[in-house]
């Protein structure tokens, strides 16, 4: 049974996320994680028996961090456009490495069924959590539209995270978000309001 020190486990997965962003999937090994985290050889393999287990743990950690950030953001009601703009802007700038890492994992999942299964489970969880946030914020977004909204968010996130550092601005992000929320129709044709009461 793997060790149960949550702080050590998080340190290892956080280091794995950093390495995924900097070196890609092929640069992520148990030894590379141990070296970067300044831990003795064998530490990472004590927690994650295989490389695939390390990849899955990194994906789970990214989802955990993302949902914690989203929970905090929904504590301060604003418009849906404002919430998504802040989320994407922070993800593409301050938290860029985290999201570069998840895109590395998503590409690797095409070749690894176990990782693909883990990511599919995380996607299902994201839909449930997002629905809960919408309920909390009083947004009248139909449940069946949430996967499409998440897909549009993910596409915008990929575009922003892979853009040259320093090229992402609030105005650029907000323009993308307005299209996600309202579509490409002129403002006078948009149905209903998404402002939170």
N, C-alpha and C. Protein backbone atom coordinates (compact mmCIF):
# COMPACT_ATOMS: atom_id res chain seq x y z
N UNK A 1 0.84 -1.19 0.00
CA UNK A 1 0.00 0.00 0.00
C UNK A 1 0.88 1.25 0.00
N UNK A 2 0.56 2.26 -0.87
CA UNK A 2 1.39 3.46 -0.92
C UNK A 2 1.33 4.25 0.38
N UNK A 3 2.37 5.04 0.65
CA UNK A 3 2.35 5.89 1.85
C UNK A 3 1.16 6.85 1.82
N UNK A 4 0.78 7.34 2.99
CA UNK A 4 -0.41 8.19 3.08
C UNK A 4 -0.11 9.59 3.60
N UNK A 5 1.06 10.11 3.32
CA UNK A 5 1.39 11.47 3.72
C UNK A 5 0.86 12.42 2.64
N UNK A 6 -0.31 13.07 2.88
CA UNK A 6 -0.93 13.90 1.84
C UNK A 6 -0.03 15.06 1.39
N UNK A 7 0.71 15.66 2.31
CA UNK A 7 1.57 16.79 1.94
C UNK A 7 2.68 16.33 1.00
N UNK A 8 3.28 15.17 1.28
CA UNK A 8 4.33 14.63 0.42
C UNK A 8 3.75 14.26 -0.95
N UNK A 9 2.58 13.64 -0.93
CA UNK A 9 1.93 13.25 -2.19
C UNK A 9 1.64 14.48 -3.05
N UNK A 10 1.10 15.54 -2.43
CA UNK A 10 0.83 16.77 -3.17
C UNK A 10 2.11 17.41 -3.69
N UNK A 11 3.18 17.36 -2.90
CA UNK A 11 4.46 17.91 -3.35
C UNK A 11 4.95 17.16 -4.59
N UNK A 12 4.78 15.84 -4.59
CA UNK A 12 5.19 15.04 -5.74
C UNK A 12 4.33 15.35 -6.97
N UNK A 13 3.03 15.43 -6.79
CA UNK A 13 2.16 15.69 -7.95
C UNK A 13 2.33 17.13 -8.45
N UNK A 14 2.53 18.07 -7.54
CA UNK A 14 2.77 19.45 -7.96
C UNK A 14 4.07 19.55 -8.77
N UNK A 15 5.08 18.80 -8.36
CA UNK A 15 6.33 18.76 -9.10
C UNK A 15 6.12 18.11 -10.46
N UNK A 16 5.32 17.05 -10.50
CA UNK A 16 5.01 16.39 -11.77
C UNK A 16 4.32 17.36 -12.73
N UNK A 17 3.41 18.16 -12.21
CA UNK A 17 2.71 19.15 -13.03
C UNK A 17 3.71 20.14 -13.62
N UNK A 18 4.62 20.61 -12.80
CA UNK A 18 5.64 21.55 -13.27
C UNK A 18 6.49 20.92 -14.38
N UNK A 19 6.90 19.67 -14.18
CA UNK A 19 7.72 18.99 -15.18
C UNK A 19 6.94 18.75 -16.47
N UNK A 20 5.67 18.41 -16.37
CA UNK A 20 4.85 18.22 -17.57
C UNK A 20 4.80 19.51 -18.38
N UNK A 21 4.66 20.64 -17.71
CA UNK A 21 4.58 21.92 -18.40
C UNK A 21 5.91 22.30 -19.05
N UNK A 22 7.01 22.01 -18.37
CA UNK A 22 8.32 22.42 -18.85
C UNK A 22 8.92 21.43 -19.84
N UNK A 23 8.79 20.13 -19.55
CA UNK A 23 9.48 19.10 -20.33
C UNK A 23 8.55 18.19 -21.12
N UNK A 24 7.24 18.31 -20.93
CA UNK A 24 6.31 17.43 -21.62
C UNK A 24 6.23 16.07 -20.96
N UNK A 25 5.37 15.23 -21.51
CA UNK A 25 5.15 13.90 -20.95
C UNK A 25 6.43 13.08 -20.95
N UNK A 26 7.22 13.22 -21.99
CA UNK A 26 8.43 12.38 -22.09
C UNK A 26 9.50 12.78 -21.07
N UNK A 27 9.40 13.97 -20.52
CA UNK A 27 10.35 14.40 -19.50
C UNK A 27 9.93 14.05 -18.09
N UNK A 28 8.74 13.45 -17.96
CA UNK A 28 8.22 13.11 -16.64
C UNK A 28 8.56 11.67 -16.28
N UNK A 29 9.46 11.53 -15.33
CA UNK A 29 9.82 10.21 -14.79
C UNK A 29 9.82 10.32 -13.27
N UNK A 30 9.80 9.16 -12.62
CA UNK A 30 9.89 9.17 -11.15
C UNK A 30 11.16 9.88 -10.71
N UNK A 31 12.26 9.56 -11.34
CA UNK A 31 13.55 10.15 -10.93
C UNK A 31 13.57 11.65 -11.16
N UNK A 32 13.00 12.11 -12.28
CA UNK A 32 12.97 13.55 -12.55
C UNK A 32 12.16 14.28 -11.49
N UNK A 33 11.04 13.67 -11.07
CA UNK A 33 10.21 14.28 -10.02
C UNK A 33 11.00 14.34 -8.71
N UNK A 34 11.67 13.26 -8.36
CA UNK A 34 12.45 13.22 -7.11
C UNK A 34 13.57 14.26 -7.13
N UNK A 35 14.24 14.35 -8.25
CA UNK A 35 15.35 15.31 -8.37
C UNK A 35 14.85 16.74 -8.24
N UNK A 36 13.77 17.05 -8.97
CA UNK A 36 13.21 18.41 -8.94
C UNK A 36 12.67 18.77 -7.55
N UNK A 37 12.10 17.77 -6.86
CA UNK A 37 11.53 18.00 -5.52
C UNK A 37 12.56 17.84 -4.41
N UNK A 38 13.80 17.51 -4.79
CA UNK A 38 14.90 17.31 -3.84
C UNK A 38 14.55 16.23 -2.81
N UNK A 39 14.09 15.09 -3.34
CA UNK A 39 13.72 13.95 -2.50
C UNK A 39 14.59 12.75 -2.85
N UNK A 40 14.76 11.83 -1.92
CA UNK A 40 15.62 10.66 -2.18
C UNK A 40 15.06 9.76 -3.28
N UNK A 41 15.94 9.05 -3.99
CA UNK A 41 15.50 8.10 -5.00
C UNK A 41 14.53 7.08 -4.39
N UNK A 42 13.51 6.75 -5.14
CA UNK A 42 12.52 5.78 -4.68
C UNK A 42 11.29 6.40 -4.05
N UNK A 43 11.36 7.69 -3.70
CA UNK A 43 10.22 8.33 -3.04
C UNK A 43 8.99 8.33 -3.94
N UNK A 44 9.15 8.77 -5.18
CA UNK A 44 8.00 8.86 -6.10
C UNK A 44 7.41 7.49 -6.38
N UNK A 45 8.26 6.49 -6.56
CA UNK A 45 7.72 5.15 -6.86
C UNK A 45 7.05 4.52 -5.64
N UNK A 46 7.37 4.98 -4.44
CA UNK A 46 6.65 4.53 -3.25
C UNK A 46 5.20 5.01 -3.27
N UNK A 47 4.98 6.20 -3.84
CA UNK A 47 3.63 6.77 -3.91
C UNK A 47 2.90 6.36 -5.18
N UNK A 48 3.63 6.26 -6.27
CA UNK A 48 3.05 5.97 -7.57
C UNK A 48 3.84 4.83 -8.20
N UNK A 49 3.27 3.64 -8.18
CA UNK A 49 3.99 2.42 -8.58
C UNK A 49 4.41 2.40 -10.04
N UNK A 50 3.68 3.11 -10.88
CA UNK A 50 4.01 3.12 -12.31
C UNK A 50 4.01 4.56 -12.82
N UNK A 51 4.56 4.73 -14.00
CA UNK A 51 4.56 6.06 -14.62
C UNK A 51 3.12 6.49 -14.91
N UNK A 52 2.30 5.53 -15.33
CA UNK A 52 0.90 5.84 -15.61
C UNK A 52 0.18 6.31 -14.34
N UNK A 53 0.48 5.68 -13.21
CA UNK A 53 -0.12 6.11 -11.94
C UNK A 53 0.29 7.54 -11.60
N UNK A 54 1.52 7.89 -11.93
CA UNK A 54 2.01 9.27 -11.71
C UNK A 54 1.26 10.24 -12.62
N UNK A 55 1.04 9.86 -13.88
CA UNK A 55 0.30 10.71 -14.82
C UNK A 55 -1.14 10.92 -14.35
N UNK A 56 -1.79 9.84 -13.92
CA UNK A 56 -3.17 9.94 -13.43
C UNK A 56 -3.23 10.82 -12.19
N UNK A 57 -2.28 10.65 -11.29
CA UNK A 57 -2.26 11.47 -10.06
C UNK A 57 -2.07 12.95 -10.39
N UNK A 58 -1.25 13.25 -11.37
CA UNK A 58 -1.05 14.66 -11.78
C UNK A 58 -2.36 15.23 -12.33
N UNK A 59 -3.07 14.45 -13.15
CA UNK A 59 -4.36 14.91 -13.69
C UNK A 59 -5.37 15.15 -12.57
N UNK A 60 -5.42 14.23 -11.61
CA UNK A 60 -6.35 14.38 -10.49
C UNK A 60 -6.01 15.61 -9.66
N UNK A 61 -4.73 15.88 -9.48
CA UNK A 61 -4.30 17.06 -8.71
C UNK A 61 -4.69 18.35 -9.44
N UNK A 62 -4.52 18.37 -10.76
CA UNK A 62 -4.91 19.56 -11.52
C UNK A 62 -6.41 19.81 -11.37
N UNK A 63 -7.20 18.76 -11.48
CA UNK A 63 -8.66 18.90 -11.32
C UNK A 63 -9.00 19.41 -9.92
N UNK A 64 -8.34 18.86 -8.91
CA UNK A 64 -8.57 19.28 -7.52
C UNK A 64 -8.28 20.78 -7.36
N UNK A 65 -7.14 21.22 -7.87
CA UNK A 65 -6.76 22.63 -7.76
C UNK A 65 -7.72 23.53 -8.54
N UNK A 66 -8.10 23.09 -9.73
CA UNK A 66 -9.01 23.88 -10.56
C UNK A 66 -10.36 24.05 -9.86
N UNK A 67 -10.90 22.96 -9.32
CA UNK A 67 -12.20 23.05 -8.67
C UNK A 67 -12.14 23.89 -7.39
N UNK A 68 -11.03 23.84 -6.68
CA UNK A 68 -10.87 24.69 -5.49
C UNK A 68 -10.86 26.16 -5.90
N UNK A 69 -10.18 26.49 -7.00
CA UNK A 69 -10.17 27.87 -7.49
C UNK A 69 -11.57 28.31 -7.89
N UNK A 70 -12.30 27.42 -8.56
CA UNK A 70 -13.66 27.73 -9.00
C UNK A 70 -14.58 27.94 -7.81
N UNK A 71 -14.42 27.11 -6.78
CA UNK A 71 -15.23 27.27 -5.57
C UNK A 71 -15.03 28.67 -4.98
N UNK A 72 -13.77 29.09 -4.90
CA UNK A 72 -13.48 30.43 -4.34
C UNK A 72 -14.08 31.53 -5.21
N UNK A 73 -14.00 31.37 -6.52
CA UNK A 73 -14.49 32.41 -7.44
C UNK A 73 -16.00 32.59 -7.33
N UNK A 74 -16.72 31.50 -7.07
CA UNK A 74 -18.18 31.60 -7.01
C UNK A 74 -18.69 32.15 -5.67
N UNK A 75 -17.79 32.42 -4.76
CA UNK A 75 -18.19 33.02 -3.49
C UNK A 75 -18.49 34.52 -3.64
N UNK A 76 -18.07 35.10 -4.76
CA UNK A 76 -18.25 36.54 -5.00
C UNK A 76 -19.05 36.72 -6.28
N UNK A 77 -20.39 36.77 -6.18
CA UNK A 77 -21.22 36.86 -7.37
C UNK A 77 -20.84 38.02 -8.29
N UNK A 78 -20.88 37.76 -9.57
CA UNK A 78 -20.63 38.74 -10.62
C UNK A 78 -21.42 38.27 -11.83
N UNK A 79 -21.12 38.80 -13.00
CA UNK A 79 -21.77 38.26 -14.19
C UNK A 79 -21.03 36.99 -14.60
N UNK A 80 -21.70 36.15 -15.39
CA UNK A 80 -21.05 34.95 -15.91
C UNK A 80 -19.84 35.33 -16.75
N UNK A 81 -19.97 36.41 -17.52
CA UNK A 81 -18.84 36.88 -18.33
C UNK A 81 -17.65 37.24 -17.44
N UNK A 82 -17.91 37.93 -16.34
CA UNK A 82 -16.83 38.31 -15.42
C UNK A 82 -16.17 37.08 -14.81
N UNK A 83 -16.99 36.11 -14.37
CA UNK A 83 -16.44 34.90 -13.75
C UNK A 83 -15.54 34.13 -14.72
N UNK A 84 -16.04 33.92 -15.94
CA UNK A 84 -15.25 33.18 -16.93
C UNK A 84 -14.01 33.95 -17.37
N UNK A 85 -14.14 35.26 -17.49
CA UNK A 85 -12.98 36.09 -17.87
C UNK A 85 -11.88 35.97 -16.83
N UNK A 86 -12.24 36.12 -15.57
CA UNK A 86 -11.23 36.01 -14.51
C UNK A 86 -10.60 34.63 -14.48
N UNK A 87 -11.43 33.61 -14.63
CA UNK A 87 -10.93 32.23 -14.60
C UNK A 87 -9.95 31.99 -15.74
N UNK A 88 -10.33 32.35 -16.97
CA UNK A 88 -9.44 32.12 -18.12
C UNK A 88 -8.19 32.98 -18.05
N UNK A 89 -8.33 34.22 -17.63
CA UNK A 89 -7.16 35.11 -17.54
C UNK A 89 -6.15 34.57 -16.54
N UNK A 90 -6.62 34.15 -15.38
CA UNK A 90 -5.73 33.59 -14.36
C UNK A 90 -5.09 32.30 -14.85
N UNK A 91 -5.89 31.44 -15.49
CA UNK A 91 -5.38 30.17 -15.99
C UNK A 91 -4.30 30.38 -17.05
N UNK A 92 -4.47 31.37 -17.91
CA UNK A 92 -3.54 31.59 -19.01
C UNK A 92 -2.30 32.38 -18.61
N UNK A 93 -2.31 32.96 -17.43
CA UNK A 93 -1.16 33.77 -17.00
C UNK A 93 -0.55 33.18 -15.73
N UNK A 94 -1.14 33.44 -14.61
CA UNK A 94 -0.60 33.00 -13.32
C UNK A 94 -0.46 31.49 -13.22
N UNK A 95 -1.45 30.75 -13.75
CA UNK A 95 -1.47 29.30 -13.61
C UNK A 95 -1.17 28.58 -14.92
N UNK A 96 -0.46 29.23 -15.80
CA UNK A 96 -0.20 28.70 -17.16
C UNK A 96 0.38 27.29 -17.12
N UNK A 97 1.36 27.03 -16.26
CA UNK A 97 1.99 25.71 -16.22
C UNK A 97 1.00 24.60 -15.89
N UNK A 98 0.07 24.90 -15.00
CA UNK A 98 -0.94 23.89 -14.63
C UNK A 98 -1.72 23.44 -15.86
N UNK A 99 -2.10 24.40 -16.69
CA UNK A 99 -2.95 24.06 -17.82
C UNK A 99 -2.15 23.55 -19.02
N UNK A 100 -0.90 23.96 -19.15
CA UNK A 100 -0.03 23.31 -20.14
C UNK A 100 0.09 21.82 -19.79
N UNK A 101 0.21 21.53 -18.50
CA UNK A 101 0.35 20.14 -18.05
C UNK A 101 -0.89 19.32 -18.39
N UNK A 102 -2.08 19.87 -18.18
CA UNK A 102 -3.28 19.08 -18.47
C UNK A 102 -3.42 18.83 -19.96
N UNK A 103 -3.00 19.77 -20.79
CA UNK A 103 -3.07 19.53 -22.23
C UNK A 103 -2.07 18.44 -22.64
N UNK A 104 -0.92 18.41 -22.01
CA UNK A 104 0.03 17.31 -22.25
C UNK A 104 -0.62 15.97 -21.89
N UNK A 105 -1.30 15.94 -20.77
CA UNK A 105 -1.95 14.71 -20.32
C UNK A 105 -3.09 14.30 -21.26
N UNK A 106 -3.85 15.28 -21.73
CA UNK A 106 -4.94 14.95 -22.64
C UNK A 106 -4.42 14.34 -23.94
N UNK A 107 -3.32 14.86 -24.45
CA UNK A 107 -2.73 14.28 -25.67
C UNK A 107 -2.19 12.88 -25.40
N UNK A 108 -1.56 12.69 -24.25
CA UNK A 108 -1.02 11.37 -23.91
C UNK A 108 -2.13 10.36 -23.70
N UNK A 109 -3.29 10.82 -23.25
CA UNK A 109 -4.42 9.91 -23.00
C UNK A 109 -4.90 9.23 -24.28
N UNK A 110 -4.61 9.81 -25.43
CA UNK A 110 -4.99 9.18 -26.70
C UNK A 110 -4.31 7.82 -26.83
N UNK A 111 -3.12 7.68 -26.23
CA UNK A 111 -2.35 6.43 -26.33
C UNK A 111 -2.41 5.58 -25.06
N UNK A 112 -3.03 6.07 -24.01
CA UNK A 112 -3.06 5.36 -22.73
C UNK A 112 -4.50 5.23 -22.24
N UNK A 113 -5.11 4.07 -22.42
CA UNK A 113 -6.52 3.90 -22.02
C UNK A 113 -6.79 4.19 -20.54
N UNK A 114 -5.87 3.81 -19.66
CA UNK A 114 -6.09 4.06 -18.24
C UNK A 114 -6.14 5.57 -17.95
N UNK A 115 -5.23 6.30 -18.55
CA UNK A 115 -5.23 7.76 -18.38
C UNK A 115 -6.48 8.36 -19.01
N UNK A 116 -6.88 7.86 -20.18
CA UNK A 116 -8.10 8.35 -20.84
C UNK A 116 -9.32 8.13 -19.95
N UNK A 117 -9.37 6.97 -19.30
CA UNK A 117 -10.48 6.66 -18.41
C UNK A 117 -10.49 7.60 -17.20
N UNK A 118 -9.32 7.86 -16.65
CA UNK A 118 -9.23 8.78 -15.50
C UNK A 118 -9.67 10.19 -15.90
N UNK A 119 -9.24 10.64 -17.07
CA UNK A 119 -9.62 11.98 -17.53
C UNK A 119 -11.11 12.06 -17.82
N UNK A 120 -11.69 10.98 -18.35
CA UNK A 120 -13.14 10.95 -18.59
C UNK A 120 -13.90 11.07 -17.27
N UNK A 121 -13.40 10.40 -16.24
CA UNK A 121 -14.02 10.51 -14.91
C UNK A 121 -13.92 11.92 -14.36
N UNK A 122 -12.79 12.57 -14.60
CA UNK A 122 -12.62 13.95 -14.15
C UNK A 122 -13.56 14.89 -14.92
N UNK A 123 -13.78 14.59 -16.19
CA UNK A 123 -14.70 15.40 -17.00
C UNK A 123 -16.13 15.27 -16.46
N UNK A 124 -16.53 14.05 -16.14
CA UNK A 124 -17.86 13.84 -15.55
C UNK A 124 -18.01 14.60 -14.25
N UNK A 125 -16.96 14.57 -13.43
CA UNK A 125 -16.98 15.30 -12.16
C UNK A 125 -17.09 16.80 -12.42
N UNK A 126 -16.40 17.30 -13.45
CA UNK A 126 -16.45 18.73 -13.78
C UNK A 126 -17.86 19.16 -14.14
N UNK A 127 -18.56 18.32 -14.88
CA UNK A 127 -19.94 18.65 -15.26
C UNK A 127 -20.80 18.77 -14.00
N UNK A 128 -20.66 17.82 -13.07
CA UNK A 128 -21.46 17.86 -11.83
C UNK A 128 -21.11 19.09 -10.99
N UNK A 129 -19.82 19.37 -10.86
CA UNK A 129 -19.39 20.52 -10.04
C UNK A 129 -19.85 21.83 -10.68
N UNK A 130 -19.72 21.93 -12.00
CA UNK A 130 -20.17 23.13 -12.70
C UNK A 130 -21.67 23.33 -12.52
N UNK A 131 -22.44 22.27 -12.62
CA UNK A 131 -23.88 22.36 -12.40
C UNK A 131 -24.17 22.89 -10.99
N UNK A 132 -23.42 22.39 -10.01
CA UNK A 132 -23.59 22.87 -8.63
C UNK A 132 -23.27 24.35 -8.50
N UNK A 133 -22.23 24.80 -9.18
CA UNK A 133 -21.88 26.23 -9.15
C UNK A 133 -22.99 27.06 -9.80
N UNK A 134 -23.52 26.56 -10.91
CA UNK A 134 -24.60 27.30 -11.57
C UNK A 134 -25.80 27.41 -10.65
N UNK A 135 -26.12 26.33 -9.95
CA UNK A 135 -27.24 26.37 -9.00
C UNK A 135 -26.98 27.39 -7.90
N UNK A 136 -25.76 27.35 -7.37
CA UNK A 136 -25.39 28.27 -6.28
C UNK A 136 -25.49 29.73 -6.71
N UNK A 137 -25.14 29.98 -7.97
CA UNK A 137 -25.14 31.35 -8.49
C UNK A 137 -26.48 31.76 -9.09
N UNK A 138 -27.42 30.81 -9.15
CA UNK A 138 -28.74 31.13 -9.70
C UNK A 138 -28.75 31.30 -11.22
N UNK A 139 -27.84 30.62 -11.91
CA UNK A 139 -27.79 30.71 -13.37
C UNK A 139 -28.75 29.69 -13.98
N UNK A 140 -29.53 30.14 -14.94
CA UNK A 140 -30.52 29.26 -15.57
C UNK A 140 -29.93 28.61 -16.82
N UNK A 141 -28.82 27.91 -16.66
CA UNK A 141 -28.20 27.22 -17.79
C UNK A 141 -28.66 25.77 -17.75
N UNK A 142 -29.31 25.30 -18.81
CA UNK A 142 -29.80 23.91 -18.81
C UNK A 142 -28.64 22.92 -18.63
N UNK A 143 -28.88 21.85 -17.87
CA UNK A 143 -27.84 20.84 -17.60
C UNK A 143 -27.22 20.28 -18.88
N UNK A 144 -28.08 20.08 -19.89
CA UNK A 144 -27.56 19.47 -21.12
C UNK A 144 -26.62 20.39 -21.90
N UNK A 145 -26.59 21.68 -21.56
CA UNK A 145 -25.69 22.63 -22.23
C UNK A 145 -24.33 22.70 -21.55
N UNK A 146 -24.21 22.17 -20.34
CA UNK A 146 -22.96 22.31 -19.58
C UNK A 146 -21.77 21.65 -20.28
N UNK A 147 -21.88 20.43 -20.82
CA UNK A 147 -20.72 19.87 -21.51
C UNK A 147 -20.24 20.74 -22.67
N UNK A 148 -21.17 21.35 -23.41
CA UNK A 148 -20.77 22.24 -24.51
C UNK A 148 -20.08 23.48 -23.96
N UNK A 149 -20.59 24.03 -22.87
CA UNK A 149 -19.97 25.20 -22.25
C UNK A 149 -18.55 24.87 -21.78
N UNK A 150 -18.38 23.69 -21.18
CA UNK A 150 -17.05 23.26 -20.73
C UNK A 150 -16.12 23.07 -21.93
N UNK A 151 -16.65 22.52 -23.04
CA UNK A 151 -15.83 22.33 -24.23
C UNK A 151 -15.39 23.67 -24.82
N UNK A 152 -16.28 24.64 -24.86
CA UNK A 152 -15.92 25.97 -25.36
C UNK A 152 -14.89 26.63 -24.45
N UNK A 153 -15.09 26.49 -23.14
CA UNK A 153 -14.12 27.02 -22.18
C UNK A 153 -12.75 26.37 -22.42
N UNK A 154 -12.74 25.04 -22.59
CA UNK A 154 -11.49 24.32 -22.81
C UNK A 154 -10.78 24.76 -24.08
N UNK A 155 -11.55 24.99 -25.14
CA UNK A 155 -10.95 25.47 -26.39
C UNK A 155 -10.34 26.85 -26.22
N UNK A 156 -11.06 27.74 -25.54
CA UNK A 156 -10.52 29.08 -25.28
C UNK A 156 -9.27 28.98 -24.41
N UNK A 157 -9.33 28.11 -23.42
CA UNK A 157 -8.18 27.93 -22.53
C UNK A 157 -6.96 27.45 -23.31
N UNK A 158 -7.14 26.47 -24.20
CA UNK A 158 -6.03 25.97 -25.00
C UNK A 158 -5.42 27.10 -25.84
N UNK A 159 -6.28 27.88 -26.49
CA UNK A 159 -5.81 28.98 -27.33
C UNK A 159 -5.00 29.99 -26.50
N UNK A 160 -5.50 30.32 -25.33
CA UNK A 160 -4.84 31.34 -24.49
C UNK A 160 -3.56 30.81 -23.85
N UNK A 161 -3.58 29.58 -23.36
CA UNK A 161 -2.42 29.02 -22.67
C UNK A 161 -1.26 28.78 -23.63
N UNK A 162 -1.58 28.43 -24.88
CA UNK A 162 -0.51 28.15 -25.84
C UNK A 162 -0.08 29.39 -26.63
N UNK A 163 -0.72 30.53 -26.36
CA UNK A 163 -0.29 31.79 -26.99
C UNK A 163 1.04 32.21 -26.38
N UNK A 164 1.81 33.02 -27.09
CA UNK A 164 3.07 33.48 -26.52
C UNK A 164 2.85 34.19 -25.18
N UNK A 165 3.67 33.86 -24.17
CA UNK A 165 3.53 34.54 -22.87
C UNK A 165 3.58 36.05 -23.06
N UNK A 166 2.71 36.74 -22.35
CA UNK A 166 2.66 38.20 -22.44
C UNK A 166 1.69 38.71 -23.48
N UNK A 167 1.14 37.81 -24.33
CA UNK A 167 0.23 38.27 -25.38
C UNK A 167 -1.24 38.22 -24.94
N UNK A 168 -1.50 37.68 -23.77
CA UNK A 168 -2.87 37.53 -23.29
C UNK A 168 -3.24 38.74 -22.44
N UNK A 169 -4.33 39.39 -22.83
CA UNK A 169 -4.79 40.55 -22.06
C UNK A 169 -6.24 40.33 -21.63
N UNK A 170 -6.69 41.11 -20.69
CA UNK A 170 -8.07 41.02 -20.22
C UNK A 170 -9.06 41.26 -21.37
N UNK A 171 -8.77 42.23 -22.24
CA UNK A 171 -9.68 42.53 -23.34
C UNK A 171 -9.81 41.34 -24.30
N UNK A 172 -8.69 40.69 -24.61
CA UNK A 172 -8.71 39.52 -25.49
C UNK A 172 -9.54 38.41 -24.86
N UNK A 173 -9.31 38.15 -23.59
CA UNK A 173 -10.05 37.09 -22.89
C UNK A 173 -11.53 37.42 -22.81
N UNK A 174 -11.85 38.65 -22.47
CA UNK A 174 -13.26 39.02 -22.34
C UNK A 174 -14.00 38.91 -23.67
N UNK A 175 -13.34 39.24 -24.76
CA UNK A 175 -13.97 39.09 -26.09
C UNK A 175 -14.30 37.63 -26.37
N UNK A 176 -13.36 36.73 -26.03
CA UNK A 176 -13.62 35.30 -26.22
C UNK A 176 -14.80 34.85 -25.35
N UNK A 177 -14.81 35.27 -24.12
CA UNK A 177 -15.86 34.86 -23.19
C UNK A 177 -17.22 35.36 -23.65
N UNK A 178 -17.29 36.57 -24.16
CA UNK A 178 -18.58 37.08 -24.64
C UNK A 178 -19.13 36.22 -25.77
N UNK A 179 -18.25 35.71 -26.63
CA UNK A 179 -18.70 34.82 -27.69
C UNK A 179 -19.16 33.48 -27.10
N UNK A 180 -18.43 32.98 -26.08
CA UNK A 180 -18.83 31.72 -25.44
C UNK A 180 -20.22 31.87 -24.82
N UNK A 181 -20.44 32.95 -24.12
CA UNK A 181 -21.70 33.14 -23.39
C UNK A 181 -22.85 33.55 -24.31
N UNK A 182 -22.58 34.50 -25.22
CA UNK A 182 -23.67 35.04 -26.04
C UNK A 182 -23.68 34.53 -27.48
N UNK A 183 -22.65 33.83 -27.89
CA UNK A 183 -22.54 33.41 -29.28
C UNK A 183 -21.98 34.54 -30.12
N UNK A 184 -22.06 34.39 -31.41
CA UNK A 184 -21.48 35.38 -32.31
C UNK A 184 -22.51 36.40 -32.79
N UNK A 185 -23.71 36.37 -32.22
CA UNK A 185 -24.74 37.31 -32.62
C UNK A 185 -24.44 38.71 -32.11
N UNK A 186 -24.90 39.74 -32.80
CA UNK A 186 -24.75 41.10 -32.28
C UNK A 186 -25.44 41.22 -30.92
N UNK A 187 -24.95 42.11 -30.09
CA UNK A 187 -25.45 42.26 -28.72
C UNK A 187 -26.96 42.47 -28.66
N UNK A 188 -27.55 43.15 -29.65
CA UNK A 188 -29.00 43.40 -29.61
C UNK A 188 -29.81 42.13 -29.82
N UNK A 189 -29.18 41.05 -30.36
CA UNK A 189 -29.90 39.82 -30.63
C UNK A 189 -29.72 38.77 -29.54
N UNK A 190 -28.96 39.07 -28.46
CA UNK A 190 -28.70 38.06 -27.45
C UNK A 190 -29.91 37.90 -26.54
N UNK A 191 -30.32 36.65 -26.32
CA UNK A 191 -31.50 36.41 -25.48
C UNK A 191 -31.16 36.47 -24.00
N UNK A 192 -32.02 37.10 -23.23
CA UNK A 192 -31.92 37.05 -21.76
C UNK A 192 -30.66 37.62 -21.17
N UNK A 193 -30.65 37.75 -19.90
CA UNK A 193 -29.50 38.26 -19.17
C UNK A 193 -28.83 37.15 -18.39
N UNK A 194 -27.49 37.22 -18.27
CA UNK A 194 -26.79 36.26 -17.44
C UNK A 194 -26.27 36.92 -16.18
N UNK A 195 -26.75 38.14 -15.92
CA UNK A 195 -26.30 38.81 -14.71
C UNK A 195 -26.90 38.11 -13.49
N UNK A 196 -26.08 37.94 -12.48
CA UNK A 196 -26.55 37.30 -11.25
C UNK A 196 -27.30 38.32 -10.41
N UNK A 197 -28.36 37.88 -9.82
CA UNK A 197 -29.14 38.79 -8.97
C UNK A 197 -28.55 38.80 -7.57
